[in-house]
Amino acid sequence: MEGIRAFTIMMKDTEVMRVDFDNLQYEVRNEKYLPYPVRGKLQEMPGPGEARTVYDMTQAILAARKNEEAVVSWLAGRILLLSRANAKWIYNLFCFEQAGTDEQRIKIAIVCRAVSVLDPYWLKFDDDGDLAWRDVDVKRNPLNEIVAQVALHGKSLTFQGSPVTPELTTNGVYAKAWRRHPDSGLWLYKLGADGSTEARIEVMCSNLLDKMNVEHVHYEAGRDEDKYVCMCPCMTTDTKAILTGMEFISYCNVNGIDPDVRMFEIDGESIYKMWIVDFLISNRDRHGQNWGFYYDTETMEILGCHPLFDHNNAFDINFMQDMDAPYQFGGMTVKQAARMAMDKVDFHFTAPVTREDFITDRQYRSFRQRAEYLGLKMG
């Protein structure tokens, strides 16, 4: 399968785009379902026999190269980076070269059919016959325990089974793995970088957000091979997929849309609440892959922000000491962003917040000071 260079990009059981890297052929078969990171980047290709002059052929080749860049960028972006904890062990398990290049990530995407828990896109090959989405959907099909052990604990094991696994398309820095709970679907398990500190902070922040009028992913504490982990249910469903903030901004820029305006048109309330949360919990890690939007997989309409998640780097010591640290949005400081947001939305605590909600006194004092600055009552 690794040598395959031609395939069809599928959205569930709908053909979206035919790709043949070797013959420079890129045919959109259903424009409605084109992935957002590809939209606006594709060039129109001439039909058979239409490129008759040298100029026409040159333009056709240039268009094909642009289309190749768009598809390669999208597929490579779905594959885990070597910077993720235990990624090298995962690469070793599948005998992948640890080159870290787009070319290598494309090979991995082909092996695992680019299947992800974030959306229902996948790759179908010419000899797949009647293979359907139900056959490759990782939300429904068995997960490989060997792959999960390597992904979470960095074990040196031998692989047997299907290479279609969400572990190859889950990014981030920390060691993590997907596991299936008997009654509630897929759950993501995550370890801390050094011991259990980050995982405990994730659970603490989740419990704090439980006491705010904010949509968020709920994390629970657990143990895996006697190691403390934080774990949460899969955020996506059959009809709700995720467009990351980074993908959204790129899509807007490519298509002449102002992302700073558009994101507030879609769901300004959630954006503002995110700013307040990040200030309260001294979150230094609101990058373009841990905020974003849901979109409807049937209509492709962007619905609104997905719930907040990934707060294991909150309550950073240096960040707690600096209310005027720069923020990722609007060229403001975290304090300025939170103050502005308080004037835009109704943000409040839904239950008392006390010292018992925090791991350390320092975290409690910082949170209380910031809440008082915003005029929020914790009791």
Protein backbone atom coordinates (compact mmCIF):
# COMPACT_ATOMS: atom_id res chain seq x y z
CA MET A 1 0.00 0.00 0.00
CA GLU A 2 2.91 2.38 0.68
CA GLY A 3 3.71 2.64 -3.05
CA ILE A 4 0.20 3.80 -3.95
CA ARG A 5 0.14 7.25 -5.53
CA ALA A 6 -3.46 7.42 -6.75
CA PHE A 7 -6.60 7.50 -4.62
CA THR A 8 -9.95 9.14 -4.09
CA ILE A 9 -10.54 11.48 -1.17
CA MET A 10 -13.83 10.44 0.43
CA MET A 11 -16.23 12.20 2.79
CA LYS A 12 -17.94 9.21 4.38
CA ASP A 13 -19.21 7.41 1.25
CA THR A 14 -19.15 10.41 -1.09
CA GLU A 15 -16.32 10.81 -3.61
CA VAL A 16 -14.82 14.26 -3.16
CA MET A 17 -11.64 14.38 -5.24
CA ARG A 18 -9.63 12.02 -7.41
CA VAL A 19 -5.86 12.38 -6.95
CA ASP A 20 -3.10 10.82 -9.07
CA PHE A 21 0.28 12.22 -8.07
CA ASP A 22 2.23 10.39 -10.78
CA ASN A 23 0.06 11.57 -13.67
CA LEU A 24 -0.62 15.04 -12.22
CA GLN A 25 -4.35 14.47 -12.27
CA TYR A 26 -6.60 16.26 -9.77
CA GLU A 27 -10.33 16.01 -10.41
CA VAL A 28 -12.88 17.51 -8.02
CA ARG A 29 -15.93 15.27 -8.01
CA ASN A 30 -17.97 17.00 -5.30
CA GLU A 31 -16.99 20.57 -4.57
CA LYS A 32 -19.43 20.86 -1.68
CA TYR A 33 -17.41 18.44 0.44
CA LEU A 34 -13.90 19.71 -0.28
CA PRO A 35 -11.92 19.91 2.98
CA TYR A 36 -11.73 23.48 4.26
CA PRO A 37 -7.89 23.53 4.18
CA VAL A 38 -8.02 22.80 0.43
CA ARG A 39 -10.75 25.28 -0.53
CA GLY A 40 -9.57 28.19 -2.63
CA LYS A 41 -6.19 26.58 -3.32
CA LEU A 42 -7.14 24.34 -6.25
CA GLN A 43 -6.54 25.41 -9.84
CA GLU A 44 -8.83 24.43 -12.70
CA MET A 45 -7.35 21.67 -14.82
CA PRO A 46 -7.91 21.40 -18.61
CA GLY A 47 -9.95 18.46 -19.86
CA PRO A 48 -8.56 15.74 -22.12
CA GLY A 49 -7.15 17.25 -25.32
CA GLU A 50 -7.80 20.85 -24.24
CA ALA A 51 -4.12 21.74 -23.66
CA ARG A 52 -3.00 21.99 -27.28
CA THR A 53 -0.23 24.62 -27.24
CA VAL A 54 3.04 24.73 -25.33
CA TYR A 55 1.62 27.61 -23.28
CA ASP A 56 -1.51 25.61 -22.45
CA MET A 57 0.56 22.61 -21.39
CA THR A 58 2.84 24.76 -19.26
CA GLN A 59 -0.15 26.34 -17.51
CA ALA A 60 -1.67 22.90 -16.98
CA ILE A 61 1.54 21.66 -15.33
CA LEU A 62 1.68 24.76 -13.10
CA ALA A 63 -1.95 24.24 -12.10
CA ALA A 64 -1.26 20.59 -11.33
CA ARG A 65 1.68 21.53 -9.12
CA LYS A 66 -0.50 23.99 -7.19
CA ASN A 67 -3.10 21.30 -6.69
CA GLU A 68 -0.44 18.84 -5.57
CA GLU A 69 0.81 21.37 -2.99
CA ALA A 70 -2.72 21.84 -1.65
CA VAL A 71 -3.42 18.12 -1.31
CA VAL A 72 0.02 17.31 0.11
CA SER A 73 -0.26 20.10 2.69
CA TRP A 74 -3.69 18.89 3.80
CA LEU A 75 -2.71 15.23 4.07
CA ALA A 76 0.64 15.93 5.75
CA GLY A 77 -1.11 18.13 8.29
CA ARG A 78 -3.26 15.20 9.37
CA ILE A 79 -0.28 13.06 10.41
CA LEU A 80 1.35 13.21 13.84
CA LEU A 81 4.65 15.07 14.05
CA LEU A 82 7.83 13.56 15.41
CA SER A 83 7.73 16.20 18.15
CA ARG A 84 4.85 14.40 19.88
CA ALA A 85 5.93 12.28 22.84
CA ASN A 86 6.47 8.65 21.79
CA ALA A 87 6.02 9.53 18.10
CA LYS A 88 9.35 7.93 17.24
CA TRP A 89 8.20 4.69 18.87
CA ILE A 90 5.01 4.84 16.83
CA TYR A 91 7.03 5.39 13.66
CA ASN A 92 9.25 2.44 14.60
CA LEU A 93 6.22 0.23 15.19
CA PHE A 94 5.11 0.73 11.58
CA CYS A 95 8.67 0.76 10.19
CA PHE A 96 8.29 4.35 9.00
CA GLU A 97 11.34 6.41 8.16
CA GLN A 98 11.79 9.17 10.74
CA ALA A 99 12.40 11.88 8.18
CA GLY A 100 9.69 14.24 9.36
CA THR A 101 9.12 15.52 5.80
CA ASP A 102 5.84 16.06 3.99
CA GLU A 103 6.79 13.26 1.62
CA GLN A 104 7.15 10.85 4.54
CA ARG A 105 3.90 11.98 6.13
CA ILE A 106 2.09 11.40 2.83
CA LYS A 107 3.31 7.80 2.89
CA ILE A 108 1.94 7.44 6.41
CA ALA A 109 -1.37 9.04 5.36
CA ILE A 110 -1.71 6.46 2.61
CA VAL A 111 -0.97 3.56 4.96
CA CYS A 112 -3.58 4.68 7.51
CA ARG A 113 -5.98 6.07 4.87
CA ALA A 114 -5.65 9.49 6.55
CA VAL A 115 -8.43 8.45 8.93
CA SER A 116 -8.88 10.82 11.87
CA VAL A 117 -11.29 11.22 14.79
CA LEU A 118 -11.69 14.90 13.86
CA ASP A 119 -13.68 14.37 10.66
CA PRO A 120 -15.04 11.67 8.29
CA TYR A 121 -12.49 12.08 5.46
CA TRP A 122 -10.52 9.05 4.28
CA LEU A 123 -8.68 7.66 1.25
CA LYS A 124 -10.08 4.98 -1.01
CA PHE A 125 -7.89 3.09 -3.48
CA ASP A 126 -8.74 1.65 -6.86
CA ASP A 127 -8.67 -1.99 -5.73
CA ASP A 128 -10.80 -1.42 -2.60
CA GLY A 129 -13.95 -2.70 -4.24
CA ASP A 130 -16.97 -2.24 -1.96
CA LEU A 131 -14.98 -0.85 0.96
CA ALA A 132 -17.14 1.75 2.72
CA TRP A 133 -16.87 4.34 5.48
CA ARG A 134 -18.35 1.93 8.00
CA ASP A 135 -15.35 -0.35 7.38
CA VAL A 136 -12.69 2.23 8.27
CA ASP A 137 -14.41 4.57 10.74
CA VAL A 138 -12.28 4.41 13.89
CA LYS A 139 -15.24 5.43 16.03
CA ARG A 140 -16.89 2.10 15.26
CA ASN A 141 -14.14 -0.38 14.45
CA PRO A 142 -11.79 -2.11 16.90
CA LEU A 143 -8.70 -0.26 18.07
CA ASN A 144 -5.31 -1.91 18.25
CA GLU A 145 -4.15 -2.24 21.86
CA ILE A 146 -0.51 -2.61 20.80
CA VAL A 147 -0.58 0.75 19.03
CA ALA A 148 -2.25 2.37 22.06
CA GLN A 149 0.42 0.99 24.42
CA VAL A 150 3.20 2.35 22.24
CA ALA A 151 1.49 5.73 21.84
CA LEU A 152 0.82 6.21 25.55
CA HIS A 153 3.78 4.51 27.20
CA GLY A 154 6.47 4.41 24.50
CA LYS A 155 6.90 0.67 24.59
CA SER A 156 8.96 -1.26 22.08
CA LEU A 157 6.47 -3.81 20.78
CA THR A 158 5.70 -5.75 17.60
CA PHE A 159 2.72 -4.72 15.50
CA GLN A 160 0.05 -6.95 14.03
CA GLY A 161 -3.30 -5.81 12.67
CA SER A 162 -4.83 -2.96 10.69
CA PRO A 163 -2.75 0.22 10.26
CA VAL A 164 -5.98 2.25 10.19
CA THR A 165 -5.61 3.82 13.62
CA PRO A 166 -6.32 7.26 15.12
CA GLU A 167 -2.87 7.23 16.77
CA LEU A 168 -1.27 8.21 13.44
CA THR A 169 -3.49 11.26 13.03
CA THR A 170 -3.57 12.68 16.56
CA ASN A 171 -1.22 15.60 17.04
CA GLY A 172 -0.05 17.50 20.11
CA VAL A 173 3.05 17.29 22.28
CA TYR A 174 2.12 14.94 25.10
CA ALA A 175 1.86 11.16 25.12
CA LYS A 176 -1.71 10.13 24.41
CA ALA A 177 -3.77 7.23 23.14
CA TRP A 178 -7.35 6.43 22.21
CA ARG A 179 -9.24 3.76 24.11
CA ARG A 180 -12.77 2.48 23.78
CA HIS A 181 -15.03 2.55 26.83
CA PRO A 182 -17.73 -0.14 26.79
CA ASP A 183 -20.69 2.21 27.13
CA SER A 184 -19.51 5.59 25.91
CA GLY A 185 -17.37 5.35 22.80
CA LEU A 186 -13.84 6.63 22.31
CA TRP A 187 -11.89 8.32 25.08
CA LEU A 188 -8.53 10.06 24.81
CA TYR A 189 -5.97 9.26 27.52
CA LYS A 190 -3.13 11.72 28.10
CA LEU A 191 0.00 11.62 30.25
CA GLY A 192 2.03 14.52 31.57
CA ALA A 193 5.45 15.32 30.13
CA ASP A 194 7.24 14.54 33.37
CA GLY A 195 5.21 12.68 35.93
CA SER A 196 1.57 13.57 36.44
CA THR A 197 1.64 17.36 36.93
CA GLU A 198 0.16 18.39 33.58
CA ALA A 199 -2.50 15.68 33.67
CA ARG A 200 -3.57 16.76 37.16
CA ILE A 201 -3.77 20.39 36.03
CA GLU A 202 -5.99 19.32 33.13
CA VAL A 203 -8.43 17.66 35.52
CA MET A 204 -8.29 20.63 37.90
CA CYS A 205 -9.08 23.08 35.09
CA SER A 206 -11.92 20.87 33.88
CA ASN A 207 -13.44 20.91 37.37
CA LEU A 208 -13.09 24.69 37.49
CA LEU A 209 -14.80 25.07 34.13
CA ASP A 210 -17.60 22.90 35.47
CA LYS A 211 -18.33 25.89 37.70
CA MET A 212 -18.49 28.43 34.84
CA ASN A 213 -21.13 29.05 32.18
CA VAL A 214 -18.72 27.87 29.49
CA GLU A 215 -18.94 24.96 27.05
CA HIS A 216 -15.96 22.69 27.64
CA VAL A 217 -14.74 19.13 27.46
CA HIS A 218 -14.92 17.33 30.79
CA TYR A 219 -11.75 15.50 31.85
CA GLU A 220 -11.59 12.78 34.44
CA ALA A 221 -8.67 11.38 36.40
CA GLY A 222 -7.66 7.80 35.73
CA ARG A 223 -4.79 5.37 35.79
CA ASP A 224 -3.20 3.39 33.00
CA GLU A 225 -0.50 0.87 33.92
CA ASP A 226 -0.45 2.56 37.33
CA LYS A 227 0.30 5.97 35.82
CA TYR A 228 -1.95 8.96 36.42
CA VAL A 229 -3.74 10.04 33.25
CA CYS A 230 -6.40 12.56 32.36
CA MET A 231 -9.06 11.29 29.99
CA CYS A 232 -11.91 12.77 28.01
CA PRO A 233 -14.53 11.55 25.53
CA CYS A 234 -14.12 12.11 21.80
CA MET A 235 -15.48 15.54 20.85
CA THR A 236 -16.74 14.69 17.37
CA THR A 237 -19.80 12.79 16.17
CA ASP A 238 -21.14 11.43 12.88
CA THR A 239 -22.48 14.87 12.03
CA LYS A 240 -20.07 17.22 13.84
CA ALA A 241 -16.46 17.53 12.70
CA ILE A 242 -13.72 19.93 13.79
CA LEU A 243 -12.11 22.77 11.86
CA THR A 244 -9.12 23.91 13.92
CA GLY A 245 -8.44 27.59 14.49
CA MET A 246 -5.28 27.31 12.41
CA GLU A 247 -7.19 25.77 9.50
CA PHE A 248 -9.96 28.35 9.84
CA ILE A 249 -7.54 31.28 9.70
CA SER A 250 -5.74 29.79 6.69
CA TYR A 251 -9.03 29.14 4.90
CA CYS A 252 -10.15 32.73 5.52
CA ASN A 253 -6.85 34.23 4.36
CA VAL A 254 -6.78 32.16 1.17
CA ASN A 255 -10.37 33.08 0.32
CA GLY A 256 -10.19 36.81 1.08
CA ILE A 257 -12.12 36.62 4.34
CA ASP A 258 -11.08 38.55 7.45
CA PRO A 259 -10.77 35.80 10.11
CA ASP A 260 -10.94 38.30 12.99
CA VAL A 261 -14.34 39.47 11.74
CA ARG A 262 -15.67 36.10 10.62
CA MET A 263 -14.98 34.23 13.86
CA PHE A 264 -17.10 36.73 15.81
CA GLU A 265 -19.88 36.48 13.24
CA ILE A 266 -19.91 32.71 13.73
CA ASP A 267 -19.70 32.55 17.52
CA GLY A 268 -18.47 35.69 19.23
CA GLU A 269 -19.87 34.65 22.61
CA SER A 270 -17.67 31.55 22.82
CA ILE A 271 -14.59 33.45 21.63
CA TYR A 272 -15.04 36.07 24.33
CA LYS A 273 -15.61 33.46 27.02
CA MET A 274 -12.42 31.70 25.92
CA TRP A 275 -10.50 34.94 26.45
CA ILE A 276 -11.85 35.25 29.99
CA VAL A 277 -11.07 31.62 30.82
CA ASP A 278 -7.50 31.92 29.55
CA PHE A 279 -6.96 34.97 31.75
CA LEU A 280 -8.43 33.34 34.86
CA ILE A 281 -6.42 30.12 34.57
CA SER A 282 -3.21 31.74 33.28
CA ASN A 283 -3.31 29.66 30.12
CA ARG A 284 -0.25 30.22 27.95
CA ASP A 285 -1.09 27.57 25.38
CA ARG A 286 -4.08 28.72 23.31
CA HIS A 287 -2.51 27.90 19.95
CA GLY A 288 -4.29 27.32 16.65
CA GLN A 289 -4.94 23.61 17.22
CA ASN A 290 -6.68 23.78 20.59
CA TRP A 291 -9.47 26.12 19.64
CA GLY A 292 -11.69 26.02 16.60
CA PHE A 293 -15.14 25.29 15.24
CA TYR A 294 -17.59 22.50 14.62
CA TYR A 295 -18.98 22.09 11.13
CA ASP A 296 -21.90 19.97 9.93
CA THR A 297 -20.63 17.03 7.87
CA GLU A 298 -23.83 16.97 5.79
CA THR A 299 -24.16 20.67 4.95
CA MET A 300 -20.51 21.73 5.59
CA GLU A 301 -21.86 24.75 7.48
CA ILE A 302 -19.59 26.07 10.24
CA LEU A 303 -21.80 25.81 13.32
CA GLY A 304 -19.90 27.50 16.14
CA CYS A 305 -16.95 27.00 18.45
CA HIS A 306 -16.30 23.52 19.74
CA PRO A 307 -16.01 23.16 23.54
CA LEU A 308 -12.82 24.39 25.21
CA PHE A 309 -10.18 21.74 25.91
CA ASP A 310 -6.45 21.17 26.44
CA HIS A 311 -5.58 23.20 29.55
CA ASN A 312 -2.73 21.10 30.93
CA ASN A 313 -0.32 24.02 30.54
CA ALA A 314 -2.51 26.40 32.54
CA PHE A 315 -1.35 28.07 35.77
CA ASP A 316 2.14 28.50 34.36
CA ILE A 317 4.25 30.13 37.09
CA ASN A 318 5.61 32.91 34.89
CA PHE A 319 2.21 33.51 33.32
CA MET A 320 0.53 33.78 36.73
CA GLN A 321 2.96 36.55 37.62
CA ASP A 322 2.27 38.57 34.48
CA MET A 323 -1.26 39.81 33.83
CA ASP A 324 0.07 41.83 30.92
CA ALA A 325 1.52 38.90 28.99
CA PRO A 326 0.80 39.12 25.25
CA TYR A 327 -2.20 37.20 23.97
CA GLN A 328 -2.65 35.35 20.68
CA PHE A 329 -5.68 37.41 19.69
CA GLY A 330 -6.06 41.01 18.62
CA GLY A 331 -2.60 42.21 19.58
CA MET A 332 -3.77 42.58 23.18
CA THR A 333 -2.50 41.40 26.52
CA VAL A 334 -4.40 38.62 28.30
CA LYS A 335 -5.74 41.19 30.76
CA GLN A 336 -6.94 43.54 28.03
CA ALA A 337 -8.63 40.71 26.16
CA ALA A 338 -10.42 39.47 29.28
CA ARG A 339 -11.52 42.98 30.28
CA MET A 340 -12.91 43.63 26.81
CA ALA A 341 -14.67 40.26 26.79
CA MET A 342 -16.38 40.92 30.14
CA ASP A 343 -18.11 43.90 28.54
CA LYS A 344 -19.39 41.72 25.68
CA VAL A 345 -20.84 38.61 27.31
CA ASP A 346 -22.51 37.30 30.43
CA PHE A 347 -19.76 35.34 32.16
CA HIS A 348 -20.28 34.06 35.69
CA PHE A 349 -19.62 31.21 38.07
CA THR A 350 -22.42 28.69 38.45
CA ALA A 351 -21.11 27.29 41.76
CA PRO A 352 -18.76 28.55 44.49
CA VAL A 353 -15.02 28.32 43.73
CA THR A 354 -12.91 27.59 46.83
CA ARG A 355 -9.36 26.69 47.81
CA GLU A 356 -10.28 23.01 47.56
CA ASP A 357 -10.66 23.37 43.79
CA PHE A 358 -6.91 24.02 43.36
CA ILE A 359 -3.77 21.95 43.72
CA THR A 360 -1.64 24.74 45.23
CA ASP A 361 -2.14 27.95 47.21
CA ARG A 362 -0.35 29.89 44.46
CA GLN A 363 -2.89 28.77 41.85
CA TYR A 364 -5.77 29.72 44.12
CA ARG A 365 -4.35 33.17 44.89
CA SER A 366 -3.69 33.88 41.23
CA PHE A 367 -7.18 32.82 40.17
CA ARG A 368 -8.82 34.83 42.96
CA GLN A 369 -6.81 37.95 42.12
CA ARG A 370 -7.79 37.73 38.47
CA ALA A 371 -11.44 37.05 39.25
CA GLU A 372 -11.50 40.11 41.54
CA TYR A 373 -9.93 42.23 38.78
CA LEU A 374 -12.79 41.22 36.46
CA GLY A 375 -15.40 41.82 39.16
CA LEU A 376 -16.37 38.15 39.34
CA LYS A 377 -17.74 36.77 42.60
CA MET A 378 -16.36 33.32 43.45
CA GLY A 379 -18.64 32.60 46.39
